[in-house]
ModelCIF file with pLDDT and N, C-alpha, C, O atoms, coordinates in Angstrom:
data_MODEL
#
_entry.id   MODEL 
#
_entity.id                         1 
_entity.type                       polymer 
_entity.pdbx_number_of_molecules   1 
#
_entity_poly.entity_id                      1 
_entity_poly.type                           'polypeptide(L)' 
_entity_poly.nstd_linkage                   no 
_entity_poly.nstd_monomer                   no 
_entity_poly.pdbx_seq_one_letter_code       AAREANAGMPEHAVSILNTELGNLAGKKVAVLGISYRGGV 
_entity_poly.pdbx_seq_one_letter_code_can   AAREANAGMPEHAVSILNTELGNLAGKKVAVLGISYRGGV 
_entity_poly.pdbx_strand_id                 A 
#
loop_
_entity_poly_seq.entity_id 
_entity_poly_seq.num 
_entity_poly_seq.mon_id 
_entity_poly_seq.hetero 
1 1  ALA n 
1 2  ALA n 
1 3  ARG n 
1 4  GLU n 
1 5  ALA n 
1 6  ASN n 
1 7  ALA n 
1 8  GLY n 
1 9  MET n 
1 10 PRO n 
1 11 GLU n 
1 12 HIS n 
1 13 ALA n 
1 14 VAL n 
1 15 SER n 
1 16 ILE n 
1 17 LEU n 
1 18 ASN n 
1 19 THR n 
1 20 GLU n 
1 21 LEU n 
1 22 GLY n 
1 23 ASN n 
1 24 LEU n 
1 25 ALA n 
1 26 GLY n 
1 27 LYS n 
1 28 LYS n 
1 29 VAL n 
1 30 ALA n 
1 31 VAL n 
1 32 LEU n 
1 33 GLY n 
1 34 ILE n 
1 35 SER n 
1 36 TYR n 
1 37 ARG n 
1 38 GLY n 
1 39 GLY n 
1 40 VAL n 
#
_struct_asym.id          A 
_struct_asym.entity_id   1 
#
loop_
_ma_qa_metric.id 
_ma_qa_metric.mode 
_ma_qa_metric.name 
_ma_qa_metric.software_group_id 
_ma_qa_metric.type 
1 global pLDDT . pLDDT 
2 local  pLDDT . pLDDT 
#
_ma_qa_metric_global.metric_id      1 
_ma_qa_metric_global.metric_value   96.55 
_ma_qa_metric_global.model_id       1 
_ma_qa_metric_global.ordinal_id     1 
#
loop_
_ma_qa_metric_local.label_asym_id 
_ma_qa_metric_local.label_comp_id 
_ma_qa_metric_local.label_seq_id 
_ma_qa_metric_local.metric_id 
_ma_qa_metric_local.metric_value 
_ma_qa_metric_local.model_id 
_ma_qa_metric_local.ordinal_id 
A ALA 1  2 97.00 1 1  
A ALA 2  2 98.00 1 2  
A ARG 3  2 96.00 1 3  
A GLU 4  2 96.00 1 4  
A ALA 5  2 97.00 1 5  
A ASN 6  2 97.00 1 6  
A ALA 7  2 96.00 1 7  
A GLY 8  2 97.00 1 8  
A MET 9  2 98.00 1 9  
A PRO 10 2 98.00 1 10 
A GLU 11 2 98.00 1 11 
A HIS 12 2 98.00 1 12 
A ALA 13 2 98.00 1 13 
A VAL 14 2 98.00 1 14 
A SER 15 2 98.00 1 15 
A ILE 16 2 98.00 1 16 
A LEU 17 2 98.00 1 17 
A ASN 18 2 98.00 1 18 
A THR 19 2 97.00 1 19 
A GLU 20 2 97.00 1 20 
A LEU 21 2 97.00 1 21 
A GLY 22 2 94.00 1 22 
A ASN 23 2 94.00 1 23 
A LEU 24 2 98.00 1 24 
A ALA 25 2 97.00 1 25 
A GLY 26 2 97.00 1 26 
A LYS 27 2 98.00 1 27 
A LYS 28 2 98.00 1 28 
A VAL 29 2 98.00 1 29 
A ALA 30 2 98.00 1 30 
A VAL 31 2 98.00 1 31 
A LEU 32 2 98.00 1 32 
A GLY 33 2 98.00 1 33 
A ILE 34 2 98.00 1 34 
A SER 35 2 96.00 1 35 
A TYR 36 2 95.00 1 36 
A ARG 37 2 91.00 1 37 
A GLY 38 2 94.00 1 38 
A GLY 39 2 90.00 1 39 
A VAL 40 2 87.00 1 40 
#
loop_
_atom_site.group_PDB 
_atom_site.id 
_atom_site.type_symbol 
_atom_site.label_atom_id 
_atom_site.label_alt_id 
_atom_site.label_comp_id 
_atom_site.label_asym_id 
_atom_site.label_entity_id 
_atom_site.label_seq_id 
_atom_site.pdbx_PDB_ins_code 
_atom_site.Cartn_x 
_atom_site.Cartn_y 
_atom_site.Cartn_z 
_atom_site.occupancy 
_atom_site.B_iso_or_equiv 
_atom_site.pdbx_formal_charge 
_atom_site.auth_seq_id 
_atom_site.auth_comp_id 
_atom_site.auth_asym_id 
_atom_site.auth_atom_id 
_atom_site.pdbx_PDB_model_num 
ATOM 1   N N  . ALA A 1 1  ? 0.825  -1.210 0.000   1.00 97.00 ? 1  ALA A N  1 
ATOM 2   C CA . ALA A 1 1  ? 0.000  0.000  0.000   1.00 97.00 ? 1  ALA A CA 1 
ATOM 3   C C  . ALA A 1 1  ? 0.859  1.259  0.000   1.00 97.00 ? 1  ALA A C  1 
ATOM 4   O O  . ALA A 1 1  ? 0.531  2.241  -0.666  1.00 97.00 ? 1  ALA A O  1 
ATOM 5   N N  . ALA A 1 2  ? 1.959  1.227  0.748   1.00 98.00 ? 2  ALA A N  1 
ATOM 6   C CA . ALA A 1 2  ? 2.857  2.377  0.803   1.00 98.00 ? 2  ALA A CA 1 
ATOM 7   C C  . ALA A 1 2  ? 3.491  2.646  -0.551  1.00 98.00 ? 2  ALA A C  1 
ATOM 8   O O  . ALA A 1 2  ? 3.568  3.793  -0.990  1.00 98.00 ? 2  ALA A O  1 
ATOM 9   N N  . ARG A 1 3  ? 3.945  1.589  -1.213  1.00 96.00 ? 3  ARG A N  1 
ATOM 10  C CA . ARG A 1 3  ? 4.554  1.737  -2.536  1.00 96.00 ? 3  ARG A CA 1 
ATOM 11  C C  . ARG A 1 3  ? 3.556  2.362  -3.523  1.00 96.00 ? 3  ARG A C  1 
ATOM 12  O O  . ARG A 1 3  ? 3.921  3.229  -4.317  1.00 96.00 ? 3  ARG A O  1 
ATOM 13  N N  . GLU A 1 4  ? 2.317  1.921  -3.466  1.00 96.00 ? 4  GLU A N  1 
ATOM 14  C CA . GLU A 1 4  ? 1.294  2.453  -4.356  1.00 96.00 ? 4  GLU A CA 1 
ATOM 15  C C  . GLU A 1 4  ? 0.993  3.916  -4.029  1.00 96.00 ? 4  GLU A C  1 
ATOM 16  O O  . GLU A 1 4  ? 0.779  4.729  -4.928  1.00 96.00 ? 4  GLU A O  1 
ATOM 17  N N  . ALA A 1 5  ? 0.977  4.243  -2.735  1.00 97.00 ? 5  ALA A N  1 
ATOM 18  C CA . ALA A 1 5  ? 0.712  5.622  -2.324  1.00 97.00 ? 5  ALA A CA 1 
ATOM 19  C C  . ALA A 1 5  ? 1.791  6.563  -2.839  1.00 97.00 ? 5  ALA A C  1 
ATOM 20  O O  . ALA A 1 5  ? 1.487  7.641  -3.351  1.00 97.00 ? 5  ALA A O  1 
ATOM 21  N N  . ASN A 1 6  ? 3.046  6.160  -2.706  1.00 97.00 ? 6  ASN A N  1 
ATOM 22  C CA . ASN A 1 6  ? 4.140  7.009  -3.172  1.00 97.00 ? 6  ASN A CA 1 
ATOM 23  C C  . ASN A 1 6  ? 4.169  7.115  -4.696  1.00 97.00 ? 6  ASN A C  1 
ATOM 24  O O  . ASN A 1 6  ? 4.468  8.175  -5.246  1.00 97.00 ? 6  ASN A O  1 
ATOM 25  N N  . ALA A 1 7  ? 3.861  6.024  -5.365  1.00 96.00 ? 7  ALA A N  1 
ATOM 26  C CA . ALA A 1 7  ? 3.839  6.040  -6.826  1.00 96.00 ? 7  ALA A CA 1 
ATOM 27  C C  . ALA A 1 7  ? 2.759  6.966  -7.373  1.00 96.00 ? 7  ALA A C  1 
ATOM 28  O O  . ALA A 1 7  ? 2.845  7.413  -8.517  1.00 96.00 ? 7  ALA A O  1 
ATOM 29  N N  . GLY A 1 8  ? 1.741  7.258  -6.561  1.00 97.00 ? 8  GLY A N  1 
ATOM 30  C CA . GLY A 1 8  ? 0.647  8.117  -6.997  1.00 97.00 ? 8  GLY A CA 1 
ATOM 31  C C  . GLY A 1 8  ? 0.874  9.600  -6.782  1.00 97.00 ? 8  GLY A C  1 
ATOM 32  O O  . GLY A 1 8  ? 0.044  10.406 -7.202  1.00 97.00 ? 8  GLY A O  1 
ATOM 33  N N  . MET A 1 9  ? 1.972  9.993  -6.141  1.00 98.00 ? 9  MET A N  1 
ATOM 34  C CA . MET A 1 9  ? 2.184  11.408 -5.824  1.00 98.00 ? 9  MET A CA 1 
ATOM 35  C C  . MET A 1 9  ? 2.425  12.305 -7.043  1.00 98.00 ? 9  MET A C  1 
ATOM 36  O O  . MET A 1 9  ? 1.954  13.443 -7.032  1.00 98.00 ? 9  MET A O  1 
ATOM 37  N N  . PRO A 1 10 ? 3.127  11.864 -8.090  1.00 98.00 ? 10 PRO A N  1 
ATOM 38  C CA . PRO A 1 10 ? 3.237  12.740 -9.261  1.00 98.00 ? 10 PRO A CA 1 
ATOM 39  C C  . PRO A 1 10 ? 1.882  13.115 -9.847  1.00 98.00 ? 10 PRO A C  1 
ATOM 40  O O  . PRO A 1 10 ? 1.670  14.267 -10.227 1.00 98.00 ? 10 PRO A O  1 
ATOM 41  N N  . GLU A 1 11 ? 0.959  12.150 -9.925  1.00 98.00 ? 11 GLU A N  1 
ATOM 42  C CA . GLU A 1 11 ? -0.380 12.462 -10.428 1.00 98.00 ? 11 GLU A CA 1 
ATOM 43  C C  . GLU A 1 11 ? -1.105 13.432 -9.508  1.00 98.00 ? 11 GLU A C  1 
ATOM 44  O O  . GLU A 1 11 ? -1.891 14.261 -9.967  1.00 98.00 ? 11 GLU A O  1 
ATOM 45  N N  . HIS A 1 12 ? -0.841 13.330 -8.207  1.00 98.00 ? 12 HIS A N  1 
ATOM 46  C CA . HIS A 1 12 ? -1.452 14.269 -7.270  1.00 98.00 ? 12 HIS A CA 1 
ATOM 47  C C  . HIS A 1 12 ? -0.960 15.688 -7.537  1.00 98.00 ? 12 HIS A C  1 
ATOM 48  O O  . HIS A 1 12 ? -1.754 16.630 -7.535  1.00 98.00 ? 12 HIS A O  1 
ATOM 49  N N  . ALA A 1 13 ? 0.326  15.845 -7.763  1.00 98.00 ? 13 ALA A N  1 
ATOM 50  C CA . ALA A 1 13 ? 0.877  17.164 -8.066  1.00 98.00 ? 13 ALA A CA 1 
ATOM 51  C C  . ALA A 1 13 ? 0.265  17.729 -9.344  1.00 98.00 ? 13 ALA A C  1 
ATOM 52  O O  . ALA A 1 13 ? -0.048 18.917 -9.418  1.00 98.00 ? 13 ALA A O  1 
ATOM 53  N N  . VAL A 1 14 ? 0.097  16.878 -10.343 1.00 98.00 ? 14 VAL A N  1 
ATOM 54  C CA . VAL A 1 14 ? -0.513 17.306 -11.601 1.00 98.00 ? 14 VAL A CA 1 
ATOM 55  C C  . VAL A 1 14 ? -1.974 17.704 -11.386 1.00 98.00 ? 14 VAL A C  1 
ATOM 56  O O  . VAL A 1 14 ? -2.463 18.651 -12.002 1.00 98.00 ? 14 VAL A O  1 
ATOM 57  N N  . SER A 1 15 ? -2.664 16.975 -10.510 1.00 98.00 ? 15 SER A N  1 
ATOM 58  C CA . SER A 1 15 ? -4.068 17.304 -10.243 1.00 98.00 ? 15 SER A CA 1 
ATOM 59  C C  . SER A 1 15 ? -4.199 18.670 -9.583  1.00 98.00 ? 15 SER A C  1 
ATOM 60  O O  . SER A 1 15 ? -5.165 19.390 -9.833  1.00 98.00 ? 15 SER A O  1 
ATOM 61  N N  . ILE A 1 16 ? -3.230 19.034 -8.737  1.00 98.00 ? 16 ILE A N  1 
ATOM 62  C CA . ILE A 1 16 ? -3.242 20.361 -8.121  1.00 98.00 ? 16 ILE A CA 1 
ATOM 63  C C  . ILE A 1 16 ? -3.113 21.436 -9.195  1.00 98.00 ? 16 ILE A C  1 
ATOM 64  O O  . ILE A 1 16 ? -3.858 22.417 -9.196  1.00 98.00 ? 16 ILE A O  1 
ATOM 65  N N  . LEU A 1 17 ? -2.165 21.245 -10.106 1.00 98.00 ? 17 LEU A N  1 
ATOM 66  C CA . LEU A 1 17 ? -1.974 22.209 -11.176 1.00 98.00 ? 17 LEU A CA 1 
ATOM 67  C C  . LEU A 1 17 ? -3.205 22.290 -12.070 1.00 98.00 ? 17 LEU A C  1 
ATOM 68  O O  . LEU A 1 17 ? -3.602 23.377 -12.489 1.00 98.00 ? 17 LEU A O  1 
ATOM 69  N N  . ASN A 1 18 ? -3.801 21.158 -12.357 1.00 98.00 ? 18 ASN A N  1 
ATOM 70  C CA . ASN A 1 18 ? -5.007 21.125 -13.188 1.00 98.00 ? 18 ASN A CA 1 
ATOM 71  C C  . ASN A 1 18 ? -6.134 21.919 -12.551 1.00 98.00 ? 18 ASN A C  1 
ATOM 72  O O  . ASN A 1 18 ? -6.849 22.648 -13.238 1.00 98.00 ? 18 ASN A O  1 
ATOM 73  N N  . THR A 1 19 ? -6.295 21.783 -11.244 1.00 97.00 ? 19 THR A N  1 
ATOM 74  C CA . THR A 1 19 ? -7.328 22.524 -10.522 1.00 97.00 ? 19 THR A CA 1 
ATOM 75  C C  . THR A 1 19 ? -7.076 24.025 -10.602 1.00 97.00 ? 19 THR A C  1 
ATOM 76  O O  . THR A 1 19 ? -8.002 24.807 -10.821 1.00 97.00 ? 19 THR A O  1 
ATOM 77  N N  . GLU A 1 20 ? -5.829 24.419 -10.424 1.00 97.00 ? 20 GLU A N  1 
ATOM 78  C CA . GLU A 1 20 ? -5.486 25.840 -10.424 1.00 97.00 ? 20 GLU A CA 1 
ATOM 79  C C  . GLU A 1 20 ? -5.647 26.475 -11.808 1.00 97.00 ? 20 GLU A C  1 
ATOM 80  O O  . GLU A 1 20 ? -6.062 27.629 -11.918 1.00 97.00 ? 20 GLU A O  1 
ATOM 81  N N  . LEU A 1 21 ? -5.321 25.728 -12.852 1.00 97.00 ? 21 LEU A N  1 
ATOM 82  C CA . LEU A 1 21 ? -5.400 26.274 -14.205 1.00 97.00 ? 21 LEU A CA 1 
ATOM 83  C C  . LEU A 1 21 ? -6.746 26.032 -14.873 1.00 97.00 ? 21 LEU A C  1 
ATOM 84  O O  . LEU A 1 21 ? -7.017 26.550 -15.956 1.00 97.00 ? 21 LEU A O  1 
ATOM 85  N N  . GLY A 1 22 ? -7.582 25.241 -14.215 1.00 94.00 ? 22 GLY A N  1 
ATOM 86  C CA . GLY A 1 22 ? -8.893 24.932 -14.772 1.00 94.00 ? 22 GLY A CA 1 
ATOM 87  C C  . GLY A 1 22 ? -8.894 23.770 -15.729 1.00 94.00 ? 22 GLY A C  1 
ATOM 88  O O  . GLY A 1 22 ? -9.805 22.942 -15.704 1.00 94.00 ? 22 GLY A O  1 
ATOM 89  N N  . ASN A 1 23 ? -7.916 23.698 -16.546 1.00 94.00 ? 23 ASN A N  1 
ATOM 90  C CA . ASN A 1 23 ? -7.777 22.621 -17.525 1.00 94.00 ? 23 ASN A CA 1 
ATOM 91  C C  . ASN A 1 23 ? -6.359 22.669 -18.074 1.00 94.00 ? 23 ASN A C  1 
ATOM 92  O O  . ASN A 1 23 ? -5.846 23.746 -18.378 1.00 94.00 ? 23 ASN A O  1 
ATOM 93  N N  . LEU A 1 24 ? -5.725 21.518 -18.203 1.00 98.00 ? 24 LEU A N  1 
ATOM 94  C CA . LEU A 1 24 ? -4.359 21.486 -18.694 1.00 98.00 ? 24 LEU A CA 1 
ATOM 95  C C  . LEU A 1 24 ? -4.263 21.311 -20.205 1.00 98.00 ? 24 LEU A C  1 
ATOM 96  O O  . LEU A 1 24 ? -3.178 21.434 -20.773 1.00 98.00 ? 24 LEU A O  1 
ATOM 97  N N  . ALA A 1 25 ? -5.374 21.027 -20.853 1.00 97.00 ? 25 ALA A N  1 
ATOM 98  C CA . ALA A 1 25 ? -5.358 20.794 -22.291 1.00 97.00 ? 25 ALA A CA 1 
ATOM 99  C C  . ALA A 1 25 ? -4.807 22.010 -23.038 1.00 97.00 ? 25 ALA A C  1 
ATOM 100 O O  . ALA A 1 25 ? -5.357 23.107 -22.945 1.00 97.00 ? 25 ALA A O  1 
ATOM 101 N N  . GLY A 1 26 ? -3.719 21.805 -23.777 1.00 97.00 ? 26 GLY A N  1 
ATOM 102 C CA . GLY A 1 26 ? -3.112 22.875 -24.553 1.00 97.00 ? 26 GLY A CA 1 
ATOM 103 C C  . GLY A 1 26 ? -2.229 23.820 -23.765 1.00 97.00 ? 26 GLY A C  1 
ATOM 104 O O  . GLY A 1 26 ? -1.588 24.696 -24.347 1.00 97.00 ? 26 GLY A O  1 
ATOM 105 N N  . LYS A 1 27 ? -2.184 23.659 -22.445 1.00 98.00 ? 27 LYS A N  1 
ATOM 106 C CA . LYS A 1 27 ? -1.365 24.534 -21.612 1.00 98.00 ? 27 LYS A CA 1 
ATOM 107 C C  . LYS A 1 27 ? 0.110  24.147 -21.701 1.00 98.00 ? 27 LYS A C  1 
ATOM 108 O O  . LYS A 1 27 ? 0.454  22.975 -21.850 1.00 98.00 ? 27 LYS A O  1 
ATOM 109 N N  . LYS A 1 28 ? 0.980  25.172 -21.604 1.00 98.00 ? 28 LYS A N  1 
ATOM 110 C CA . LYS A 1 28 ? 2.416  24.933 -21.577 1.00 98.00 ? 28 LYS A CA 1 
ATOM 111 C C  . LYS A 1 28 ? 2.861  24.805 -20.122 1.00 98.00 ? 28 LYS A C  1 
ATOM 112 O O  . LYS A 1 28 ? 2.678  25.723 -19.322 1.00 98.00 ? 28 LYS A O  1 
ATOM 113 N N  . VAL A 1 29 ? 3.448  23.655 -19.792 1.00 98.00 ? 29 VAL A N  1 
ATOM 114 C CA . VAL A 1 29 ? 3.842  23.372 -18.410 1.00 98.00 ? 29 VAL A CA 1 
ATOM 115 C C  . VAL A 1 29 ? 5.318  22.993 -18.370 1.00 98.00 ? 29 VAL A C  1 
ATOM 116 O O  . VAL A 1 29 ? 5.786  22.182 -19.169 1.00 98.00 ? 29 VAL A O  1 
ATOM 117 N N  . ALA A 1 30 ? 6.040  23.589 -17.432 1.00 98.00 ? 30 ALA A N  1 
ATOM 118 C CA . ALA A 1 30 ? 7.448  23.270 -17.227 1.00 98.00 ? 30 ALA A CA 1 
ATOM 119 C C  . ALA A 1 30 ? 7.611  22.402 -15.986 1.00 98.00 ? 30 ALA A C  1 
ATOM 120 O O  . ALA A 1 30 ? 7.021  22.685 -14.943 1.00 98.00 ? 30 ALA A O  1 
ATOM 121 N N  . VAL A 1 31 ? 8.407  21.349 -16.099 1.00 98.00 ? 31 VAL A N  1 
ATOM 122 C CA . VAL A 1 31 ? 8.778  20.504 -14.958 1.00 98.00 ? 31 VAL A CA 1 
ATOM 123 C C  . VAL A 1 31 ? 10.230 20.806 -14.627 1.00 98.00 ? 31 VAL A C  1 
ATOM 124 O O  . VAL A 1 31 ? 11.112 20.662 -15.475 1.00 98.00 ? 31 VAL A O  1 
ATOM 125 N N  . LEU A 1 32 ? 10.474 21.222 -13.400 1.00 98.00 ? 32 LEU A N  1 
ATOM 126 C CA . LEU A 1 32 ? 11.816 21.584 -12.971 1.00 98.00 ? 32 LEU A CA 1 
ATOM 127 C C  . LEU A 1 32 ? 12.466 20.405 -12.237 1.00 98.00 ? 32 LEU A C  1 
ATOM 128 O O  . LEU A 1 32 ? 12.031 20.013 -11.154 1.00 98.00 ? 32 LEU A O  1 
ATOM 129 N N  . GLY A 1 33 ? 13.502 19.859 -12.845 1.00 98.00 ? 33 GLY A N  1 
ATOM 130 C CA . GLY A 1 33 ? 14.246 18.788 -12.197 1.00 98.00 ? 33 GLY A CA 1 
ATOM 131 C C  . GLY A 1 33 ? 14.081 17.435 -12.851 1.00 98.00 ? 33 GLY A C  1 
ATOM 132 O O  . GLY A 1 33 ? 12.994 16.858 -12.846 1.00 98.00 ? 33 GLY A O  1 
ATOM 133 N N  . ILE A 1 34 ? 15.170 16.930 -13.417 1.00 98.00 ? 34 ILE A N  1 
ATOM 134 C CA . ILE A 1 34 ? 15.239 15.562 -13.909 1.00 98.00 ? 34 ILE A CA 1 
ATOM 135 C C  . ILE A 1 34 ? 15.743 14.635 -12.817 1.00 98.00 ? 34 ILE A C  1 
ATOM 136 O O  . ILE A 1 34 ? 15.266 13.506 -12.696 1.00 98.00 ? 34 ILE A O  1 
ATOM 137 N N  . SER A 1 35 ? 16.688 15.085 -12.031 1.00 96.00 ? 35 SER A N  1 
ATOM 138 C CA . SER A 1 35 ? 17.279 14.284 -10.965 1.00 96.00 ? 35 SER A CA 1 
ATOM 139 C C  . SER A 1 35 ? 16.226 13.829 -9.966  1.00 96.00 ? 35 SER A C  1 
ATOM 140 O O  . SER A 1 35 ? 15.235 14.520 -9.730  1.00 96.00 ? 35 SER A O  1 
ATOM 141 N N  . TYR A 1 36 ? 16.454 12.661 -9.384  1.00 95.00 ? 36 TYR A N  1 
ATOM 142 C CA . TYR A 1 36 ? 15.497 12.152 -8.404  1.00 95.00 ? 36 TYR A CA 1 
ATOM 143 C C  . TYR A 1 36 ? 15.601 12.879 -7.070  1.00 95.00 ? 36 TYR A C  1 
ATOM 144 O O  . TYR A 1 36 ? 14.659 12.861 -6.277  1.00 95.00 ? 36 TYR A O  1 
ATOM 145 N N  . ARG A 1 37 ? 16.762 13.530 -6.814  1.00 91.00 ? 37 ARG A N  1 
ATOM 146 C CA . ARG A 1 37 ? 16.897 14.384 -5.631  1.00 91.00 ? 37 ARG A CA 1 
ATOM 147 C C  . ARG A 1 37 ? 17.857 15.523 -5.956  1.00 91.00 ? 37 ARG A C  1 
ATOM 148 O O  . ARG A 1 37 ? 18.660 15.438 -6.885  1.00 91.00 ? 37 ARG A O  1 
ATOM 149 N N  . GLY A 1 38 ? 17.752 16.586 -5.169  1.00 94.00 ? 38 GLY A N  1 
ATOM 150 C CA . GLY A 1 38 ? 18.547 17.764 -5.427  1.00 94.00 ? 38 GLY A CA 1 
ATOM 151 C C  . GLY A 1 38 ? 20.038 17.522 -5.307  1.00 94.00 ? 38 GLY A C  1 
ATOM 152 O O  . GLY A 1 38 ? 20.493 16.773 -4.442  1.00 94.00 ? 38 GLY A O  1 
ATOM 153 N N  . GLY A 1 39 ? 20.794 18.167 -6.187  1.00 90.00 ? 39 GLY A N  1 
ATOM 154 C CA . GLY A 1 39 ? 22.248 18.129 -6.105  1.00 90.00 ? 39 GLY A CA 1 
ATOM 155 C C  . GLY A 1 39 ? 22.910 16.886 -6.640  1.00 90.00 ? 39 GLY A C  1 
ATOM 156 O O  . GLY A 1 39 ? 24.130 16.751 -6.546  1.00 90.00 ? 39 GLY A O  1 
ATOM 157 N N  . VAL A 1 40 ? 22.135 15.969 -7.203  1.00 87.00 ? 40 VAL A N  1 
ATOM 158 C CA . VAL A 1 40 ? 22.685 14.715 -7.722  1.00 87.00 ? 40 VAL A CA 1 
ATOM 159 C C  . VAL A 1 40 ? 22.229 14.528 -9.160  1.00 87.00 ? 40 VAL A C  1 
ATOM 160 O O  . VAL A 1 40 ? 22.579 13.532 -9.794  1.00 87.00 ? 40 VAL A O  1 
#
């Protein structure tokens, strides 16, 4: 259950942005950070 909960967090972050923008269709979105943690 924990593994599934953590795996779902990126979608949660996207859902927050979707709520704020009303709809993400056609919107330009930047994702900051390829690394899995800062400084690495």
